[in-house]
Amino acid sequence: YSTDPAYVTVTEYSVVNSIKITLPRRAVSGDIDDNDIYG
């Protein structure tokens, strides 16, 4: 995703067989440079 790994979190939720990854958006949601307002 061409971002800094310091801002990426990977969280495992084994109880529900899921992994959640959070990372910064390339542009703020709704910004003129945003191409996917809902992500």
PDB file of all heavy atoms in Angstrom:
ATOM      1  N   TYR A   1       0.804  -1.223   0.000  1.00  0.00           N
ATOM      2  CA  TYR A   1       0.000   0.000   0.000  1.00  0.00           C
ATOM      3  C   TYR A   1       0.841   1.278   0.000  1.00  0.00           C
ATOM      4  O   TYR A   1       0.305   2.368   0.194  1.00  0.00           O
ATOM      5  CB  TYR A   1      -0.962  -0.016   1.197  1.00  0.00           C
ATOM      6  CG  TYR A   1      -2.089  -0.988   0.978  1.00  0.00           C
ATOM      7  CD1 TYR A   1      -1.977  -2.319   1.364  1.00  0.00           C
ATOM      8  CD2 TYR A   1      -3.261  -0.596   0.349  1.00  0.00           C
ATOM      9  CE1 TYR A   1      -3.001  -3.228   1.138  1.00  0.00           C
ATOM     10  CE2 TYR A   1      -4.290  -1.488   0.113  1.00  0.00           C
ATOM     11  CZ  TYR A   1      -4.151  -2.806   0.514  1.00  0.00           C
ATOM     12  OH  TYR A   1      -5.165  -3.694   0.275  1.00  0.00           O
ATOM     13  N   SER A   2       2.126   1.137  -0.231  1.00  0.00           N
ATOM     14  CA  SER A   2       3.041   2.287  -0.316  1.00  0.00           C
ATOM     15  C   SER A   2       2.885   3.235   0.863  1.00  0.00           C
ATOM     16  O   SER A   2       2.630   4.434   0.703  1.00  0.00           O
ATOM     17  CB  SER A   2       2.818   3.054  -1.626  1.00  0.00           C
ATOM     18  OG  SER A   2       3.023   2.211  -2.728  1.00  0.00           O
ATOM     19  N   THR A   3       3.011   2.669   2.055  1.00  0.00           N
ATOM     20  CA  THR A   3       2.915   3.485   3.269  1.00  0.00           C
ATOM     21  C   THR A   3       4.006   3.066   4.244  1.00  0.00           C
ATOM     22  O   THR A   3       4.739   2.115   4.018  1.00  0.00           O
ATOM     23  CB  THR A   3       1.504   3.368   3.891  1.00  0.00           C
ATOM     24  OG1 THR A   3       1.345   4.396   4.869  1.00  0.00           O
ATOM     25  CG2 THR A   3       1.256   2.012   4.497  1.00  0.00           C
ATOM     26  N   ASP A   4       4.107   3.772   5.334  1.00  0.00           N
ATOM     27  CA  ASP A   4       5.109   3.514   6.365  1.00  0.00           C
ATOM     28  C   ASP A   4       4.643   2.364   7.259  1.00  0.00           C
ATOM     29  O   ASP A   4       3.547   2.437   7.831  1.00  0.00           O
ATOM     30  CB  ASP A   4       5.296   4.785   7.185  1.00  0.00           C
ATOM     31  CG  ASP A   4       6.401   4.697   8.213  1.00  0.00           C
ATOM     32  OD1 ASP A   4       6.813   3.577   8.586  1.00  0.00           O
ATOM     33  OD2 ASP A   4       6.863   5.759   8.662  1.00  0.00           O
ATOM     34  N   PRO A   5       5.449   1.308   7.410  1.00  0.00           N
ATOM     35  CA  PRO A   5       5.034   0.184   8.259  1.00  0.00           C
ATOM     36  C   PRO A   5       4.795   0.565   9.718  1.00  0.00           C
ATOM     37  O   PRO A   5       4.071  -0.135  10.424  1.00  0.00           O
ATOM     38  CB  PRO A   5       6.171  -0.827   8.134  1.00  0.00           C
ATOM     39  CG  PRO A   5       7.293  -0.125   7.484  1.00  0.00           C
ATOM     40  CD  PRO A   5       6.745   1.083   6.791  1.00  0.00           C
ATOM     41  N   ALA A   6       5.337   1.672  10.160  1.00  0.00           N
ATOM     42  CA  ALA A   6       5.121   2.107  11.540  1.00  0.00           C
ATOM     43  C   ALA A   6       3.656   2.444  11.801  1.00  0.00           C
ATOM     44  O   ALA A   6       3.212   2.445  12.948  1.00  0.00           O
ATOM     45  CB  ALA A   6       6.003   3.321  11.852  1.00  0.00           C
ATOM     46  N   TYR A   7       2.904   2.708  10.731  1.00  0.00           N
ATOM     47  CA  TYR A   7       1.494   3.074  10.873  1.00  0.00           C
ATOM     48  C   TYR A   7       0.526   1.943  10.527  1.00  0.00           C
ATOM     49  O   TYR A   7      -0.676   2.161  10.455  1.00  0.00           O
ATOM     50  CB  TYR A   7       1.177   4.294  10.011  1.00  0.00           C
ATOM     51  CG  TYR A   7       1.958   5.510  10.430  1.00  0.00           C
ATOM     52  CD1 TYR A   7       2.954   6.026   9.620  1.00  0.00           C
ATOM     53  CD2 TYR A   7       1.716   6.110  11.654  1.00  0.00           C
ATOM     54  CE1 TYR A   7       3.690   7.129  10.004  1.00  0.00           C
ATOM     55  CE2 TYR A   7       2.441   7.215  12.053  1.00  0.00           C
ATOM     56  CZ  TYR A   7       3.420   7.721  11.228  1.00  0.00           C
ATOM     57  OH  TYR A   7       4.151   8.810  11.621  1.00  0.00           O
ATOM     58  N   VAL A   8       1.058   0.755  10.293  1.00  0.00           N
ATOM     59  CA  VAL A   8       0.228  -0.403   9.929  1.00  0.00           C
ATOM     60  C   VAL A   8       0.122  -1.332  11.138  1.00  0.00           C
ATOM     61  O   VAL A   8       1.131  -1.692  11.740  1.00  0.00           O
ATOM     62  CB  VAL A   8       0.840  -1.176   8.744  1.00  0.00           C
ATOM     63  CG1 VAL A   8       0.013  -2.418   8.425  1.00  0.00           C
ATOM     64  CG2 VAL A   8       0.962  -0.275   7.519  1.00  0.00           C
ATOM     65  N   THR A   9      -1.103  -1.694  11.491  1.00  0.00           N
ATOM     66  CA  THR A   9      -1.298  -2.681  12.561  1.00  0.00           C
ATOM     67  C   THR A   9      -2.001  -3.909  11.993  1.00  0.00           C
ATOM     68  O   THR A   9      -2.900  -3.794  11.160  1.00  0.00           O
ATOM     69  CB  THR A   9      -2.131  -2.123  13.737  1.00  0.00           C
ATOM     70  OG1 THR A   9      -3.411  -1.747  13.261  1.00  0.00           O
ATOM     71  CG2 THR A   9      -1.453  -0.936  14.391  1.00  0.00           C
ATOM     72  N   VAL A  10      -1.548  -5.066  12.450  1.00  0.00           N
ATOM     73  CA  VAL A  10      -2.139  -6.341  12.055  1.00  0.00           C
ATOM     74  C   VAL A  10      -2.562  -7.027  13.348  1.00  0.00           C
ATOM     75  O   VAL A  10      -1.725  -7.313  14.204  1.00  0.00           O
ATOM     76  CB  VAL A  10      -1.135  -7.217  11.279  1.00  0.00           C
ATOM     77  CG1 VAL A  10      -1.758  -8.555  10.923  1.00  0.00           C
ATOM     78  CG2 VAL A  10      -0.632  -6.493  10.035  1.00  0.00           C
ATOM     79  N   THR A  11      -3.856  -7.264  13.487  1.00  0.00           N
ATOM     80  CA  THR A  11      -4.400  -7.835  14.715  1.00  0.00           C
ATOM     81  C   THR A  11      -5.119  -9.134  14.399  1.00  0.00           C
ATOM     82  O   THR A  11      -5.992  -9.164  13.533  1.00  0.00           O
ATOM     83  CB  THR A  11      -5.380  -6.846  15.384  1.00  0.00           C
ATOM     84  OG1 THR A  11      -4.742  -5.578  15.529  1.00  0.00           O
ATOM     85  CG2 THR A  11      -5.815  -7.353  16.744  1.00  0.00           C
ATOM     86  N   GLU A  12      -4.746 -10.182  15.106  1.00  0.00           N
ATOM     87  CA  GLU A  12      -5.377 -11.489  14.925  1.00  0.00           C
ATOM     88  C   GLU A  12      -6.505 -11.668  15.933  1.00  0.00           C
ATOM     89  O   GLU A  12      -6.337 -11.363  17.112  1.00  0.00           O
ATOM     90  CB  GLU A  12      -4.348 -12.597  15.125  1.00  0.00           C
ATOM     91  CG  GLU A  12      -3.167 -12.509  14.189  1.00  0.00           C
ATOM     92  CD  GLU A  12      -2.007 -13.386  14.640  1.00  0.00           C
ATOM     93  OE1 GLU A  12      -2.202 -14.294  15.477  1.00  0.00           O
ATOM     94  OE2 GLU A  12      -0.893 -13.144  14.148  1.00  0.00           O
ATOM     95  N   TYR A  13      -7.633 -12.158  15.450  1.00  0.00           N
ATOM     96  CA  TYR A  13      -8.774 -12.476  16.301  1.00  0.00           C
ATOM     97  C   TYR A  13      -9.108 -13.952  16.094  1.00  0.00           C
ATOM     98  O   TYR A  13     -10.001 -14.303  15.322  1.00  0.00           O
ATOM     99  CB  TYR A  13      -9.982 -11.593  15.956  1.00  0.00           C
ATOM    100  CG  TYR A  13      -9.758 -10.132  16.240  1.00  0.00           C
ATOM    101  CD1 TYR A  13      -9.433  -9.247  15.217  1.00  0.00           C
ATOM    102  CD2 TYR A  13      -9.877  -9.633  17.527  1.00  0.00           C
ATOM    103  CE1 TYR A  13      -9.220  -7.898  15.476  1.00  0.00           C
ATOM    104  CE2 TYR A  13      -9.671  -8.296  17.797  1.00  0.00           C
ATOM    105  CZ  TYR A  13      -9.343  -7.434  16.768  1.00  0.00           C
ATOM    106  OH  TYR A  13      -9.130  -6.100  17.026  1.00  0.00           O
ATOM    107  N   SER A  14      -8.358 -14.820  16.771  1.00  0.00           N
ATOM    108  CA  SER A  14      -8.510 -16.255  16.541  1.00  0.00           C
ATOM    109  C   SER A  14      -9.881 -16.788  16.957  1.00  0.00           C
ATOM    110  O   SER A  14     -10.347 -17.779  16.401  1.00  0.00           O
ATOM    111  CB  SER A  14      -7.394 -17.024  17.252  1.00  0.00           C
ATOM    112  OG  SER A  14      -7.398 -16.745  18.624  1.00  0.00           O
ATOM    113  N   VAL A  15     -10.531 -16.139  17.903  1.00  0.00           N
ATOM    114  CA  VAL A  15     -11.859 -16.582  18.348  1.00  0.00           C
ATOM    115  C   VAL A  15     -12.858 -16.576  17.191  1.00  0.00           C
ATOM    116  O   VAL A  15     -13.743 -17.426  17.121  1.00  0.00           O
ATOM    117  CB  VAL A  15     -12.370 -15.704  19.507  1.00  0.00           C
ATOM    118  CG1 VAL A  15     -13.802 -16.016  19.859  1.00  0.00           C
ATOM    119  CG2 VAL A  15     -11.478 -15.864  20.721  1.00  0.00           C
ATOM    120  N   VAL A  16     -12.689 -15.638  16.263  1.00  0.00           N
ATOM    121  CA  VAL A  16     -13.609 -15.535  15.130  1.00  0.00           C
ATOM    122  C   VAL A  16     -12.899 -15.762  13.786  1.00  0.00           C
ATOM    123  O   VAL A  16     -13.418 -15.387  12.736  1.00  0.00           O
ATOM    124  CB  VAL A  16     -14.355 -14.183  15.134  1.00  0.00           C
ATOM    125  CG1 VAL A  16     -15.339 -14.115  16.281  1.00  0.00           C
ATOM    126  CG2 VAL A  16     -13.387 -13.016  15.174  1.00  0.00           C
ATOM    127  N   ASN A  17     -11.716 -16.355  13.819  1.00  0.00           N
ATOM    128  CA  ASN A  17     -10.963 -16.687  12.604  1.00  0.00           C
ATOM    129  C   ASN A  17     -10.808 -15.486  11.670  1.00  0.00           C
ATOM    130  O   ASN A  17     -11.088 -15.565  10.471  1.00  0.00           O
ATOM    131  CB  ASN A  17     -11.620 -17.848  11.850  1.00  0.00           C
ATOM    132  CG  ASN A  17     -11.638 -19.115  12.646  1.00  0.00           C
ATOM    133  OD1 ASN A  17     -10.695 -19.414  13.373  1.00  0.00           O
ATOM    134  ND2 ASN A  17     -12.708 -19.879  12.541  1.00  0.00           N
ATOM    135  N   SER A  18     -10.353 -14.374  12.229  1.00  0.00           N
ATOM    136  CA  SER A  18     -10.238 -13.144  11.453  1.00  0.00           C
ATOM    137  C   SER A  18      -8.946 -12.401  11.758  1.00  0.00           C
ATOM    138  O   SER A  18      -8.371 -12.533  12.829  1.00  0.00           O
ATOM    139  CB  SER A  18     -11.409 -12.207  11.761  1.00  0.00           C
ATOM    140  OG  SER A  18     -12.624 -12.819  11.414  1.00  0.00           O
ATOM    141  N   ILE A  19      -8.531 -11.612  10.793  1.00  0.00           N
ATOM    142  CA  ILE A  19      -7.378 -10.729  10.932  1.00  0.00           C
ATOM    143  C   ILE A  19      -7.827  -9.342  10.497  1.00  0.00           C
ATOM    144  O   ILE A  19      -8.472  -9.184   9.450  1.00  0.00           O
ATOM    145  CB  ILE A  19      -6.201 -11.203  10.057  1.00  0.00           C
ATOM    146  CG1 ILE A  19      -5.772 -12.616  10.465  1.00  0.00           C
ATOM    147  CG2 ILE A  19      -5.038 -10.217  10.151  1.00  0.00           C
ATOM    148  CD1 ILE A  19      -4.791 -13.262   9.505  1.00  0.00           C
ATOM    149  N   LYS A  20      -7.488  -8.349  11.290  1.00  0.00           N
ATOM    150  CA  LYS A  20      -7.832  -6.958  10.981  1.00  0.00           C
ATOM    151  C   LYS A  20      -6.534  -6.198  10.755  1.00  0.00           C
ATOM    152  O   LYS A  20      -5.620  -6.259  11.569  1.00  0.00           O
ATOM    153  CB  LYS A  20      -8.609  -6.333  12.143  1.00  0.00           C
ATOM    154  CG  LYS A  20      -8.934  -4.877  11.946  1.00  0.00           C
ATOM    155  CD  LYS A  20      -9.686  -4.342  13.146  1.00  0.00           C
ATOM    156  CE  LYS A  20      -9.928  -2.864  13.006  1.00  0.00           C
ATOM    157  NZ  LYS A  20     -10.740  -2.343  14.096  1.00  0.00           N
ATOM    158  N   ILE A  21      -6.482  -5.494   9.648  1.00  0.00           N
ATOM    159  CA  ILE A  21      -5.315  -4.680   9.309  1.00  0.00           C
ATOM    160  C   ILE A  21      -5.778  -3.236   9.206  1.00  0.00           C
ATOM    161  O   ILE A  21      -6.753  -2.937   8.515  1.00  0.00           O
ATOM    162  CB  ILE A  21      -4.699  -5.130   7.972  1.00  0.00           C
ATOM    163  CG1 ILE A  21      -4.301  -6.608   8.057  1.00  0.00           C
ATOM    164  CG2 ILE A  21      -3.517  -4.245   7.600  1.00  0.00           C
ATOM    165  CD1 ILE A  21      -3.984  -7.234   6.721  1.00  0.00           C
ATOM    166  N   THR A  22      -5.090  -2.342   9.898  1.00  0.00           N
ATOM    167  CA  THR A  22      -5.422  -0.919   9.841  1.00  0.00           C
ATOM    168  C   THR A  22      -4.218  -0.164   9.306  1.00  0.00           C
ATOM    169  O   THR A  22      -3.083  -0.415   9.721  1.00  0.00           O
ATOM    170  CB  THR A  22      -5.820  -0.394  11.232  1.00  0.00           C
ATOM    171  OG1 THR A  22      -6.900  -1.186  11.724  1.00  0.00           O
ATOM    172  CG2 THR A  22      -6.261   1.051  11.173  1.00  0.00           C
ATOM    173  N   LEU A  23      -4.467   0.745   8.368  1.00  0.00           N
ATOM    174  CA  LEU A  23      -3.402   1.534   7.776  1.00  0.00           C
ATOM    175  C   LEU A  23      -3.935   2.894   7.366  1.00  0.00           C
ATOM    176  O   LEU A  23      -5.147   3.069   7.228  1.00  0.00           O
ATOM    177  CB  LEU A  23      -2.804   0.811   6.556  1.00  0.00           C
ATOM    178  CG  LEU A  23      -3.717   0.532   5.385  1.00  0.00           C
ATOM    179  CD1 LEU A  23      -2.920   0.617   4.089  1.00  0.00           C
ATOM    180  CD2 LEU A  23      -4.307  -0.852   5.516  1.00  0.00           C
ATOM    181  N   PRO A  24      -3.052   3.868   7.177  1.00  0.00           N
ATOM    182  CA  PRO A  24      -3.519   5.206   6.800  1.00  0.00           C
ATOM    183  C   PRO A  24      -4.029   5.243   5.361  1.00  0.00           C
ATOM    184  O   PRO A  24      -3.515   4.535   4.491  1.00  0.00           O
ATOM    185  CB  PRO A  24      -2.277   6.081   6.959  1.00  0.00           C
ATOM    186  CG  PRO A  24      -1.121   5.155   6.974  1.00  0.00           C
ATOM    187  CD  PRO A  24      -1.612   3.819   7.388  1.00  0.00           C
ATOM    188  N   ARG A  25      -5.053   6.054   5.131  1.00  0.00           N
ATOM    189  CA  ARG A  25      -5.560   6.274   3.776  1.00  0.00           C
ATOM    190  C   ARG A  25      -4.554   7.124   3.004  1.00  0.00           C
ATOM    191  O   ARG A  25      -3.830   7.931   3.591  1.00  0.00           O
ATOM    192  CB  ARG A  25      -6.893   7.019   3.824  1.00  0.00           C
ATOM    193  CG  ARG A  25      -8.030   6.197   4.395  1.00  0.00           C
ATOM    194  CD  ARG A  25      -9.300   7.024   4.422  1.00  0.00           C
ATOM    195  NE  ARG A  25      -9.647   7.520   3.096  1.00  0.00           N
ATOM    196  CZ  ARG A  25     -10.540   6.950   2.289  1.00  0.00           C
ATOM    197  NH1 ARG A  25     -11.200   5.886   2.685  1.00  0.00           N
ATOM    198  NH2 ARG A  25     -10.792   7.463   1.104  1.00  0.00           N
ATOM    199  N   ARG A  26      -4.529   6.992   1.706  1.00  0.00           N
ATOM    200  CA  ARG A  26      -3.647   7.824   0.870  1.00  0.00           C
ATOM    201  C   ARG A  26      -4.139   9.265   0.821  1.00  0.00           C
ATOM    202  O   ARG A  26      -3.357  10.200   0.706  1.00  0.00           O
ATOM    203  CB  ARG A  26      -3.576   7.271  -0.538  1.00  0.00           C
ATOM    204  CG  ARG A  26      -2.832   5.968  -0.590  1.00  0.00           C
ATOM    205  CD  ARG A  26      -2.687   5.483  -1.990  1.00  0.00           C
ATOM    206  NE  ARG A  26      -2.137   4.135  -1.956  1.00  0.00           N
ATOM    207  CZ  ARG A  26      -1.707   3.492  -2.985  1.00  0.00           C
ATOM    208  NH1 ARG A  26      -1.749   4.060  -4.167  1.00  0.00           N
ATOM    209  NH2 ARG A  26      -1.230   2.268  -2.865  1.00  0.00           N
ATOM    210  N   ALA A  27      -5.443   9.431   0.869  1.00  0.00           N
ATOM    211  CA  ALA A  27      -6.059  10.760   0.897  1.00  0.00           C
ATOM    212  C   ALA A  27      -7.192  10.714   1.905  1.00  0.00           C
ATOM    213  O   ALA A  27      -7.825   9.677   2.096  1.00  0.00           O
ATOM    214  CB  ALA A  27      -6.597  11.133  -0.483  1.00  0.00           C
ATOM    215  N   VAL A  28      -7.453  11.812   2.558  1.00  0.00           N
ATOM    216  CA  VAL A  28      -8.544  11.895   3.519  1.00  0.00           C
ATOM    217  C   VAL A  28      -9.851  11.582   2.789  1.00  0.00           C
ATOM    218  O   VAL A  28     -10.068  12.023   1.658  1.00  0.00           O
ATOM    219  CB  VAL A  28      -8.595  13.302   4.148  1.00  0.00           C
ATOM    220  CG1 VAL A  28      -9.814  13.455   5.046  1.00  0.00           C
ATOM    221  CG2 VAL A  28      -7.317  13.583   4.919  1.00  0.00           C
ATOM    222  N   SER A  29     -10.714  10.812   3.437  1.00  0.00           N
ATOM    223  CA  SER A  29     -11.997  10.456   2.833  1.00  0.00           C
ATOM    224  C   SER A  29     -12.765  11.716   2.445  1.00  0.00           C
ATOM    225  O   SER A  29     -12.959  12.611   3.261  1.00  0.00           O
ATOM    226  CB  SER A  29     -12.825   9.623   3.825  1.00  0.00           C
ATOM    227  OG  SER A  29     -14.068   9.282   3.269  1.00  0.00           O
ATOM    228  N   GLY A  30     -13.162  11.786   1.186  1.00  0.00           N
ATOM    229  CA  GLY A  30     -13.906  12.936   0.690  1.00  0.00           C
ATOM    230  C   GLY A  30     -13.043  14.030   0.097  1.00  0.00           C
ATOM    231  O   GLY A  30     -13.560  14.966  -0.504  1.00  0.00           O
ATOM    232  N   ASP A  31     -11.726  13.927   0.242  1.00  0.00           N
ATOM    233  CA  ASP A  31     -10.807  14.905  -0.325  1.00  0.00           C
ATOM    234  C   ASP A  31     -10.888  14.857  -1.851  1.00  0.00           C
ATOM    235  O   ASP A  31     -11.267  13.840  -2.436  1.00  0.00           O
ATOM    236  CB  ASP A  31      -9.380  14.584   0.133  1.00  0.00           C
ATOM    237  CG  ASP A  31      -8.378  15.624  -0.300  1.00  0.00           C
ATOM    238  OD1 ASP A  31      -8.261  16.647   0.402  1.00  0.00           O
ATOM    239  OD2 ASP A  31      -7.703  15.404  -1.328  1.00  0.00           O
ATOM    240  N   ILE A  32     -10.516  15.918  -2.498  1.00  0.00           N
ATOM    241  CA  ILE A  32     -10.559  15.957  -3.965  1.00  0.00           C
ATOM    242  C   ILE A  32      -9.676  14.869  -4.588  1.00  0.00           C
ATOM    243  O   ILE A  32      -9.952  14.378  -5.680  1.00  0.00           O
ATOM    244  CB  ILE A  32     -10.177  17.348  -4.500  1.00  0.00           C
ATOM    245  CG1 ILE A  32     -10.508  17.435  -5.985  1.00  0.00           C
ATOM    246  CG2 ILE A  32      -8.717  17.657  -4.277  1.00  0.00           C
ATOM    247  CD1 ILE A  32     -11.307  18.593  -6.365  1.00  0.00           C
ATOM    248  N   ASP A  33      -8.628  14.443  -3.901  1.00  0.00           N
ATOM    249  CA  ASP A  33      -7.738  13.395  -4.402  1.00  0.00           C
ATOM    250  C   ASP A  33      -8.213  11.989  -4.044  1.00  0.00           C
ATOM    251  O   ASP A  33      -7.593  11.010  -4.454  1.00  0.00           O
ATOM    252  CB  ASP A  33      -6.324  13.595  -3.855  1.00  0.00           C
ATOM    253  CG  ASP A  33      -5.668  14.849  -4.394  1.00  0.00           C
ATOM    254  OD1 ASP A  33      -5.937  15.198  -5.565  1.00  0.00           O
ATOM    255  OD2 ASP A  33      -4.894  15.482  -3.665  1.00  0.00           O
ATOM    256  N   ASP A  34      -9.288  11.873  -3.302  1.00  0.00           N
ATOM    257  CA  ASP A  34      -9.798  10.572  -2.874  1.00  0.00           C
ATOM    258  C   ASP A  34     -10.584   9.918  -4.004  1.00  0.00           C
ATOM    259  O   ASP A  34     -11.463  10.529  -4.591  1.00  0.00           O
ATOM    260  CB  ASP A  34     -10.694  10.742  -1.639  1.00  0.00           C
ATOM    261  CG  ASP A  34     -11.176   9.428  -1.073  1.00  0.00           C
ATOM    262  OD1 ASP A  34     -10.524   8.390  -1.326  1.00  0.00           O
ATOM    263  OD2 ASP A  34     -12.202   9.426  -0.374  1.00  0.00           O
ATOM    264  N   ASN A  35     -10.259   8.654  -4.296  1.00  0.00           N
ATOM    265  CA  ASN A  35     -10.972   7.949  -5.357  1.00  0.00           C
ATOM    266  C   ASN A  35     -11.920   6.873  -4.829  1.00  0.00           C
ATOM    267  O   ASN A  35     -12.489   6.111  -5.602  1.00  0.00           O
ATOM    268  CB  ASN A  35      -9.985   7.342  -6.358  1.00  0.00           C
ATOM    269  CG  ASN A  35      -9.074   6.324  -5.720  1.00  0.00           C
ATOM    270  OD1 ASN A  35      -9.156   6.051  -4.537  1.00  0.00           O
ATOM    271  ND2 ASN A  35      -8.186   5.765  -6.523  1.00  0.00           N
ATOM    272  N   ASP A  36     -12.075   6.793  -3.520  1.00  0.00           N
ATOM    273  CA  ASP A  36     -12.949   5.772  -2.914  1.00  0.00           C
ATOM    274  C   ASP A  36     -13.412   6.291  -1.554  1.00  0.00           C
ATOM    275  O   ASP A  36     -12.850   5.949  -0.522  1.00  0.00           O
ATOM    276  CB  ASP A  36     -12.177   4.466  -2.776  1.00  0.00           C
ATOM    277  CG  ASP A  36     -13.010   3.322  -2.233  1.00  0.00           C
ATOM    278  OD1 ASP A  36     -14.231   3.482  -2.056  1.00  0.00           O
ATOM    279  OD2 ASP A  36     -12.433   2.255  -1.967  1.00  0.00           O
ATOM    280  N   ILE A  37     -14.425   7.113  -1.549  1.00  0.00           N
ATOM    281  CA  ILE A  37     -14.850   7.830  -0.349  1.00  0.00           C
ATOM    282  C   ILE A  37     -15.156   6.911   0.834  1.00  0.00           C
ATOM    283  O   ILE A  37     -14.913   7.254   1.975  1.00  0.00           O
ATOM    284  CB  ILE A  37     -16.037   8.767  -0.647  1.00  0.00           C
ATOM    285  CG1 ILE A  37     -16.220   9.767   0.482  1.00  0.00           C
ATOM    286  CG2 ILE A  37     -17.296   7.981  -0.910  1.00  0.00           C
ATOM    287  CD1 ILE A  37     -17.119  10.925   0.138  1.00  0.00           C
ATOM    288  N   TYR A  38     -15.654   5.707   0.566  1.00  0.00           N
ATOM    289  CA  TYR A  38     -16.008   4.774   1.643  1.00  0.00           C
ATOM    290  C   TYR A  38     -14.889   3.778   1.962  1.00  0.00           C
ATOM    291  O   TYR A  38     -14.998   3.006   2.903  1.00  0.00           O
ATOM    292  CB  TYR A  38     -17.291   4.020   1.300  1.00  0.00           C
ATOM    293  CG  TYR A  38     -18.459   4.936   1.104  1.00  0.00           C
ATOM    294  CD1 TYR A  38     -19.040   5.087  -0.133  1.00  0.00           C
ATOM    295  CD2 TYR A  38     -18.967   5.682   2.168  1.00  0.00           C
ATOM    296  CE1 TYR A  38     -20.105   5.949  -0.316  1.00  0.00           C
ATOM    297  CE2 TYR A  38     -20.024   6.544   1.994  1.00  0.00           C
ATOM    298  CZ  TYR A  38     -20.590   6.673   0.744  1.00  0.00           C
ATOM    299  OH  TYR A  38     -21.645   7.539   0.566  1.00  0.00           O
ATOM    300  N   GLY A  39     -13.852   3.771   1.161  1.00  0.00           N
ATOM    301  CA  GLY A  39     -12.741   2.848   1.400  1.00  0.00           C
ATOM    302  C   GLY A  39     -13.083   1.401   1.122  1.00  0.00           C
ATOM    303  O   GLY A  39     -12.381   0.499   1.570  1.00  0.00           O
TER     304      GLY A  39
END
